[in-house]
């Protein structure tokens, strides 16, 4: 069988949530199916590190698809042409984008459809493209894979897709995350917070991630007597005025640290050394940082909406993302209540065992080939 794969998000040193999904699944999938041929389709010069086995070929297509106008050119023309030329039996797209013109069977991974519910969180051109094309992709797909029961129900209800067509393959987490020793936690505080305790956020900076709300909650937490710093790991996804305004108004901005995007060894240290992960998103299709925090033995404070209760189970402190006061109180509880903190750590270590990339890859394989 000849399987063409959309691998445009496999970019060295720049793997984000969907990029990690693509990497973790494909490196397992191609080895599970050694008698099949895989053609990885990139939109830029690719790295050999992503050619995972001898049954993988790679092709660079034009143009680099990073804007809605270029999405149309790339998926409607370049991908369509490549599928025809290679005589592909199946097109697998881990980031959800498909060709509406190709007659080749296609299976996307639609991680979530946040843009249908919160289009204002994205630049208008992106929101318009997603809301125009993803309903078409969902109808065009032979099957759909998604990463949570929440997203399955949301896609089914929003696009009137039979639920039997949608298969769930929960995300996993990087096994590099682990509980740190006392010496390592001291090192983390020294590197990221001037030797002080700190809370942490990990992810892209966008309105959907509620960075402005975290800053406001951190100010309130400090007014409650809290003394820890706050570390934001990541980079801006779009221009984000509300975040800039919240930081400009913060009385404690000097204690908010932005180390940028961290490589995995540094991220293991940063997350494992934190008092808690603060993750009050407005919308998540899954929320991999929650699992990573559990694996690191770091308590989690997160939203009580979308997929996060499904992922976190009973192992987190939950709040409505709009409730700044409750978010601040949860941070204060983590700092002051050792019993609560230890309970959350233990429950998190148990909860993370329900998820793995091996399980994800097996479920993707079953959806693709059954």
Protein backbone atom coordinates (compact mmCIF):
# COMPACT_ATOMS: atom_id res chain seq x y z
CA UNK A 1 0.00 0.00 0.00
CA UNK A 2 1.23 3.52 -0.79
CA UNK A 3 0.45 6.10 1.90
CA UNK A 4 1.20 9.78 1.29
CA UNK A 5 1.51 11.85 4.45
CA UNK A 6 1.27 15.60 5.05
CA UNK A 7 4.46 16.27 7.06
CA UNK A 8 4.71 20.05 6.70
CA UNK A 9 4.87 20.52 10.50
CA UNK A 10 7.95 18.30 10.93
CA UNK A 11 10.37 21.19 11.31
CA UNK A 12 13.65 20.68 13.23
CA UNK A 13 13.67 22.31 16.67
CA UNK A 14 10.21 23.78 16.08
CA UNK A 15 7.81 20.97 16.89
CA UNK A 16 4.64 22.25 18.54
CA UNK A 17 1.66 20.21 19.76
CA UNK A 18 0.52 18.96 16.35
CA UNK A 19 4.12 18.65 15.20
CA UNK A 20 4.88 16.41 18.17
CA UNK A 21 1.80 14.31 17.41
CA UNK A 22 3.00 13.92 13.83
CA UNK A 23 6.53 12.98 14.90
CA UNK A 24 5.54 10.54 17.65
CA UNK A 25 2.92 8.75 15.56
CA UNK A 26 4.81 8.52 12.28
CA UNK A 27 8.06 7.22 13.75
CA UNK A 28 6.05 4.30 15.14
CA UNK A 29 3.59 3.87 12.28
CA UNK A 30 6.14 3.35 9.51
CA UNK A 31 7.80 0.59 11.55
CA UNK A 32 4.46 -1.08 12.29
CA UNK A 33 3.80 -1.28 8.54
CA UNK A 34 7.18 -2.30 7.03
CA UNK A 35 5.59 -3.66 3.84
CA UNK A 36 3.86 -0.38 3.03
CA UNK A 37 5.48 2.59 1.28
CA UNK A 38 5.22 6.06 2.83
CA UNK A 39 5.76 9.34 0.97
CA UNK A 40 6.30 12.26 3.33
CA UNK A 41 5.25 15.56 1.76
CA UNK A 42 7.09 18.64 3.08
CA UNK A 43 6.60 22.30 2.20
CA UNK A 44 10.29 23.19 2.75
CA UNK A 45 13.71 21.58 2.84
CA UNK A 46 13.35 18.59 5.15
CA UNK A 47 15.66 17.01 7.72
CA UNK A 48 16.79 13.40 7.49
CA UNK A 49 15.93 13.00 11.17
CA UNK A 50 12.30 12.66 10.09
CA UNK A 51 12.94 9.86 7.60
CA UNK A 52 12.29 7.19 10.18
CA UNK A 53 12.74 3.95 8.19
CA UNK A 54 13.75 2.46 4.85
CA UNK A 55 10.13 2.41 3.64
CA UNK A 56 9.90 6.22 3.81
CA UNK A 57 10.47 8.55 0.85
CA UNK A 58 10.25 12.32 0.99
CA UNK A 59 9.31 15.07 -1.44
CA UNK A 60 9.42 18.85 -1.10
CA UNK A 61 6.45 20.70 -2.55
CA UNK A 62 5.85 24.37 -3.32
CA UNK A 63 4.88 26.79 -1.78
CA UNK A 64 5.59 26.95 1.96
CA UNK A 65 2.07 26.70 3.37
CA UNK A 66 1.92 29.18 6.24
CA UNK A 67 -0.93 31.49 5.19
CA UNK A 68 -4.52 30.83 4.02
CA UNK A 69 -3.76 31.88 0.44
CA UNK A 70 -0.78 29.50 0.39
CA UNK A 71 -2.82 26.76 2.09
CA UNK A 72 -5.15 26.79 -0.92
CA UNK A 73 -2.30 26.58 -3.40
CA UNK A 74 -0.49 23.87 -1.46
CA UNK A 75 -3.36 21.52 -0.66
CA UNK A 76 -5.61 22.11 -3.66
CA UNK A 77 -2.88 21.96 -6.30
CA UNK A 78 0.53 20.76 -5.08
CA UNK A 79 -0.81 17.97 -2.86
CA UNK A 80 -3.42 16.94 -5.44
CA UNK A 81 -0.76 16.68 -8.14
CA UNK A 82 1.64 14.73 -5.89
CA UNK A 83 -1.02 12.21 -4.90
CA UNK A 84 -1.86 11.59 -8.55
CA UNK A 85 1.74 11.33 -9.72
CA UNK A 86 2.72 8.93 -6.94
CA UNK A 87 -0.47 6.88 -7.38
CA UNK A 88 -1.15 7.04 -3.66
CA UNK A 89 -3.68 4.66 -2.15
CA UNK A 90 -4.27 6.90 0.88
CA UNK A 91 -3.52 10.45 2.04
CA UNK A 92 -2.99 10.84 5.79
CA UNK A 93 -2.92 14.39 7.17
CA UNK A 94 -1.93 14.72 10.86
CA UNK A 95 -2.77 18.45 10.93
CA UNK A 96 -6.26 18.06 9.45
CA UNK A 97 -5.78 19.76 6.07
CA UNK A 98 -6.96 17.86 2.97
CA UNK A 99 -7.29 18.32 -0.76
CA UNK A 100 -10.90 18.86 -1.82
CA UNK A 101 -9.94 18.07 -5.42
CA UNK A 102 -8.19 14.70 -5.09
CA UNK A 103 -10.07 11.44 -5.51
CA UNK A 104 -7.58 9.56 -3.33
CA UNK A 105 -9.09 8.36 0.00
CA UNK A 106 -8.10 10.83 2.74
CA UNK A 107 -7.98 10.65 6.53
CA UNK A 108 -7.21 13.78 8.58
CA UNK A 109 -6.48 14.25 12.25
CA UNK A 110 -8.73 17.15 13.27
CA UNK A 111 -7.38 17.94 16.72
CA UNK A 112 -10.10 20.44 17.56
CA UNK A 113 -12.34 23.04 15.94
CA UNK A 114 -11.79 25.93 18.35
CA UNK A 115 -12.12 28.35 15.41
CA UNK A 116 -15.82 27.46 15.07
CA UNK A 117 -16.52 28.58 18.64
CA UNK A 118 -13.92 31.31 19.12
CA UNK A 119 -13.09 32.79 15.69
CA UNK A 120 -12.19 36.07 17.37
CA UNK A 121 -9.08 34.40 18.86
CA UNK A 122 -7.46 34.14 15.40
CA UNK A 123 -6.54 36.66 12.72
CA UNK A 124 -9.57 37.07 10.49
CA UNK A 125 -8.00 35.51 7.38
CA UNK A 126 -7.14 32.31 9.28
CA UNK A 127 -10.52 32.06 11.00
CA UNK A 128 -12.30 32.53 7.68
CA UNK A 129 -10.19 29.86 5.99
CA UNK A 130 -10.65 27.30 8.78
CA UNK A 131 -14.39 27.90 9.02
CA UNK A 132 -14.77 27.61 5.25
CA UNK A 133 -12.54 24.61 4.59
CA UNK A 134 -12.65 22.37 7.66
CA UNK A 135 -16.36 21.53 7.25
CA UNK A 136 -15.46 20.49 3.68
CA UNK A 137 -12.51 18.45 4.92
CA UNK A 138 -14.74 16.67 7.43
CA UNK A 139 -17.27 15.79 4.72
CA UNK A 140 -14.56 14.78 2.25
CA UNK A 141 -12.71 12.50 4.69
CA UNK A 142 -13.22 8.76 4.53
CA UNK A 143 -12.63 8.71 8.29
CA UNK A 144 -11.60 11.31 10.84
CA UNK A 145 -9.16 10.88 13.71
CA UNK A 146 -9.22 13.22 16.70
CA UNK A 147 -7.51 13.37 20.08
CA UNK A 148 -10.30 13.40 22.67
CA UNK A 149 -13.88 12.32 23.21
CA UNK A 150 -14.71 16.00 23.61
CA UNK A 151 -13.39 16.80 20.13
CA UNK A 152 -15.14 13.77 18.65
CA UNK A 153 -18.51 14.96 19.95
CA UNK A 154 -17.79 18.55 18.95
CA UNK A 155 -16.86 17.62 15.36
CA UNK A 156 -19.83 15.28 15.06
CA UNK A 157 -22.32 17.85 16.35
CA UNK A 158 -20.86 20.91 14.62
CA UNK A 159 -20.43 19.31 11.18
CA UNK A 160 -23.27 16.74 11.29
CA UNK A 161 -20.80 13.87 10.93
CA UNK A 162 -21.78 10.37 12.02
CA UNK A 163 -19.86 9.63 15.22
CA UNK A 164 -18.93 6.17 13.87
CA UNK A 165 -16.78 7.94 11.25
CA UNK A 166 -14.68 9.62 13.96
CA UNK A 167 -11.95 7.69 15.80
CA UNK A 168 -10.27 8.87 19.01
CA UNK A 169 -6.52 8.51 19.52
CA UNK A 170 -5.58 10.40 22.68
CA UNK A 171 -2.23 12.16 22.75
CA UNK A 172 0.71 10.81 24.72
CA UNK A 173 3.59 12.57 26.45
CA UNK A 174 7.36 12.62 26.16
CA UNK A 175 8.89 10.04 28.55
CA UNK A 176 11.74 12.50 29.17
CA UNK A 177 9.49 14.17 31.74
CA UNK A 178 10.16 12.85 35.23
CA UNK A 179 10.23 13.89 38.85
CA UNK A 180 13.35 15.91 39.60
CA UNK A 181 15.69 15.47 42.52
CA UNK A 182 15.99 18.20 45.13
CA UNK A 183 19.28 19.31 43.61
CA UNK A 184 17.69 19.58 40.16
CA UNK A 185 14.78 21.63 41.51
CA UNK A 186 17.26 24.01 43.09
CA UNK A 187 19.03 24.26 39.74
CA UNK A 188 15.71 25.00 38.01
CA UNK A 189 14.92 27.83 40.40
CA UNK A 190 18.37 29.26 39.85
CA UNK A 191 18.11 29.14 36.07
CA UNK A 192 14.55 30.35 35.62
CA UNK A 193 13.50 32.37 38.67
CA UNK A 194 16.47 33.92 40.47
CA UNK A 195 16.48 31.11 43.04
CA UNK A 196 12.83 31.66 43.96
CA UNK A 197 9.84 29.27 43.67
CA UNK A 198 7.79 29.78 40.52
CA UNK A 199 4.61 28.82 38.70
CA UNK A 200 4.80 27.98 35.01
CA UNK A 201 2.82 28.10 31.78
CA UNK A 202 3.97 26.12 28.71
CA UNK A 203 2.56 26.73 25.23
CA UNK A 204 2.01 29.31 22.52
CA UNK A 205 0.98 32.78 23.62
CA UNK A 206 -2.45 33.45 22.15
CA UNK A 207 -5.79 34.71 23.37
CA UNK A 208 -7.16 31.16 23.52
CA UNK A 209 -4.46 30.25 26.04
CA UNK A 210 -5.66 33.07 28.33
CA UNK A 211 -2.20 34.52 29.02
CA UNK A 212 -3.79 37.86 29.94
CA UNK A 213 -5.96 36.08 32.53
CA UNK A 214 -2.91 34.33 34.00
CA UNK A 215 -1.13 37.68 34.40
CA UNK A 216 -4.19 39.16 36.13
CA UNK A 217 -4.49 36.11 38.38
CA UNK A 218 -0.79 36.30 39.22
CA UNK A 219 -1.26 39.91 40.35
CA UNK A 220 -4.17 38.84 42.56
CA UNK A 221 -2.16 35.90 43.93
CA UNK A 222 0.61 38.33 44.92
CA UNK A 223 -1.94 40.59 46.59
CA UNK A 224 -3.03 37.55 48.60
CA UNK A 225 0.50 37.30 49.95
CA UNK A 226 2.09 34.94 47.41
CA UNK A 227 5.82 35.33 46.82
CA UNK A 228 6.60 33.04 43.89
CA UNK A 229 7.60 34.20 40.43
CA UNK A 230 5.87 33.21 37.18
CA UNK A 231 7.62 31.70 34.15
CA UNK A 232 5.97 31.73 30.69
CA UNK A 233 7.64 29.22 28.38
CA UNK A 234 6.85 29.67 24.68
CA UNK A 235 6.48 32.33 22.04
CA UNK A 236 3.65 34.50 20.67
CA UNK A 237 1.50 32.77 18.07
CA UNK A 238 -0.19 35.96 16.85
CA UNK A 239 0.02 39.62 17.81
CA UNK A 240 -1.71 39.61 21.16
CA UNK A 241 -2.71 43.05 22.47
CA UNK A 242 -4.54 41.80 25.57
CA UNK A 243 -1.38 40.08 26.83
CA UNK A 244 0.68 43.22 26.24
CA UNK A 245 -1.89 45.33 28.09
CA UNK A 246 -2.07 42.94 31.05
CA UNK A 247 1.71 42.99 31.41
CA UNK A 248 1.81 46.78 31.13
CA UNK A 249 -0.72 47.09 33.97
CA UNK A 250 0.85 44.44 36.21
CA UNK A 251 2.39 45.65 39.45
CA UNK A 252 4.55 42.52 39.52
CA UNK A 253 5.77 42.40 35.92
CA UNK A 254 9.38 42.32 37.13
CA UNK A 255 8.68 38.88 38.62
CA UNK A 256 7.26 37.49 35.37
CA UNK A 257 9.92 35.69 33.35
CA UNK A 258 9.95 34.88 29.61
CA UNK A 259 12.77 32.44 28.76
CA UNK A 260 11.34 31.82 25.27
CA UNK A 261 10.92 28.42 23.68
CA UNK A 262 13.01 25.75 25.47
CA UNK A 263 14.55 22.57 24.13
CA UNK A 264 13.39 19.35 25.75
CA UNK A 265 16.15 19.00 28.37
CA UNK A 266 15.62 22.56 29.56
CA UNK A 267 11.85 22.14 29.45
CA UNK A 268 12.05 19.00 31.60
CA UNK A 269 14.00 21.04 34.14
CA UNK A 270 11.68 24.06 33.98
CA UNK A 271 8.44 22.09 34.29
CA UNK A 272 9.78 19.69 36.92
CA UNK A 273 11.03 22.54 39.08
CA UNK A 274 7.77 24.51 39.10
CA UNK A 275 5.28 24.69 41.94
CA UNK A 276 2.45 24.09 39.49
CA UNK A 277 1.50 24.32 35.83
CA UNK A 278 -1.14 27.03 35.34
CA UNK A 279 -3.17 26.21 32.22
CA UNK A 280 -6.53 28.05 32.18
CA UNK A 281 -7.22 27.87 28.43
CA UNK A 282 -10.55 28.90 26.98
CA UNK A 283 -10.49 25.94 24.61
CA UNK A 284 -8.36 22.80 24.26
CA UNK A 285 -8.73 19.77 22.01
CA UNK A 286 -6.46 17.91 24.42
CA UNK A 287 -3.79 19.83 26.35
CA UNK A 288 -0.50 17.90 26.24
CA UNK A 289 1.25 20.16 28.83
CA UNK A 290 -1.17 18.81 31.46
CA UNK A 291 0.11 15.26 30.89
CA UNK A 292 3.70 16.47 30.82
CA UNK A 293 3.22 18.17 34.18
CA UNK A 294 1.73 14.98 35.64
CA UNK A 295 4.76 13.01 34.44
CA UNK A 296 7.05 15.63 36.00
CA UNK A 297 5.30 15.34 39.36
CA UNK A 298 4.11 18.95 39.03
CA UNK A 299 0.59 19.88 40.23
CA UNK A 300 -1.82 21.30 37.65
CA UNK A 301 -4.30 24.16 37.77
CA UNK A 302 -6.46 24.18 34.64
CA UNK A 303 -9.80 25.10 33.12
CA UNK A 304 -12.94 23.11 33.82
CA UNK A 305 -14.02 23.23 30.16
CA UNK A 306 -13.64 21.46 26.80
CA UNK A 307 -11.25 18.47 26.91
CA UNK A 308 -9.29 19.33 30.04
CA UNK A 309 -11.46 17.47 32.59
CA UNK A 310 -11.22 14.41 30.32
CA UNK A 311 -7.42 14.58 30.29
CA UNK A 312 -6.85 15.64 33.90
CA UNK A 313 -9.45 13.42 35.56
CA UNK A 314 -9.41 14.11 39.31
CA UNK A 315 -5.72 15.09 39.32
CA UNK A 316 -6.01 18.89 38.93
CA UNK A 317 -7.50 21.97 40.53
CA UNK A 318 -10.13 23.29 38.13
CA UNK A 319 -11.60 26.72 37.51
CA UNK A 320 -13.64 28.62 34.98
CA UNK A 321 -10.98 30.42 32.91
CA UNK A 322 -12.78 33.73 33.45
CA UNK A 323 -12.63 33.37 37.25
CA UNK A 324 -9.44 35.29 38.01
CA UNK A 325 -10.05 35.22 41.77
CA UNK A 326 -10.41 31.42 41.88
CA UNK A 327 -7.31 30.97 39.75
CA UNK A 328 -5.33 33.13 42.17
CA UNK A 329 -6.73 31.22 45.15
CA UNK A 330 -5.68 27.91 43.58
CA UNK A 331 -2.14 29.24 43.18
CA UNK A 332 -2.18 30.31 46.81
CA UNK A 333 -3.43 26.85 47.85
CA UNK A 334 -0.59 25.12 45.98
CA UNK A 335 1.92 27.36 47.73
CA UNK A 336 0.51 26.98 51.25
CA UNK A 337 -1.20 23.57 51.46
CA UNK A 338 1.30 20.72 51.35
CA UNK A 339 -1.38 18.04 51.72
CA UNK A 340 -3.25 19.26 48.64
CA UNK A 341 -0.02 19.54 46.70
CA UNK A 342 1.09 16.00 47.54
CA UNK A 343 -2.37 14.62 46.71
CA UNK A 344 -2.31 16.29 43.30
CA UNK A 345 1.19 15.02 42.55
CA UNK A 346 0.21 11.43 43.34
CA UNK A 347 -3.02 11.60 41.37
CA UNK A 348 -1.19 13.13 38.43
CA UNK A 349 1.39 10.35 38.37
CA UNK A 350 -1.46 7.84 38.26
CA UNK A 351 -3.46 9.75 35.62
CA UNK A 352 -0.57 10.01 33.15
CA UNK A 353 -0.35 6.21 32.98
CA UNK A 354 -3.61 6.20 31.01
CA UNK A 355 -1.86 7.84 28.05
CA UNK A 356 1.14 6.96 25.85
CA UNK A 357 2.35 7.58 22.30
CA UNK A 358 2.47 3.81 21.72
CA UNK A 359 -1.26 3.68 22.39
CA UNK A 360 -1.83 6.73 20.17
CA UNK A 361 0.07 5.18 17.26
CA UNK A 362 -1.79 1.89 17.56
CA UNK A 363 -5.14 3.65 17.48
CA UNK A 364 -4.11 5.71 14.47
CA UNK A 365 -2.96 2.54 12.71
CA UNK A 366 -6.30 0.87 13.41
CA UNK A 367 -8.21 3.87 12.03
CA UNK A 368 -6.08 4.07 8.90
CA UNK A 369 -6.04 0.43 7.93
CA UNK A 370 -9.15 -1.22 9.38
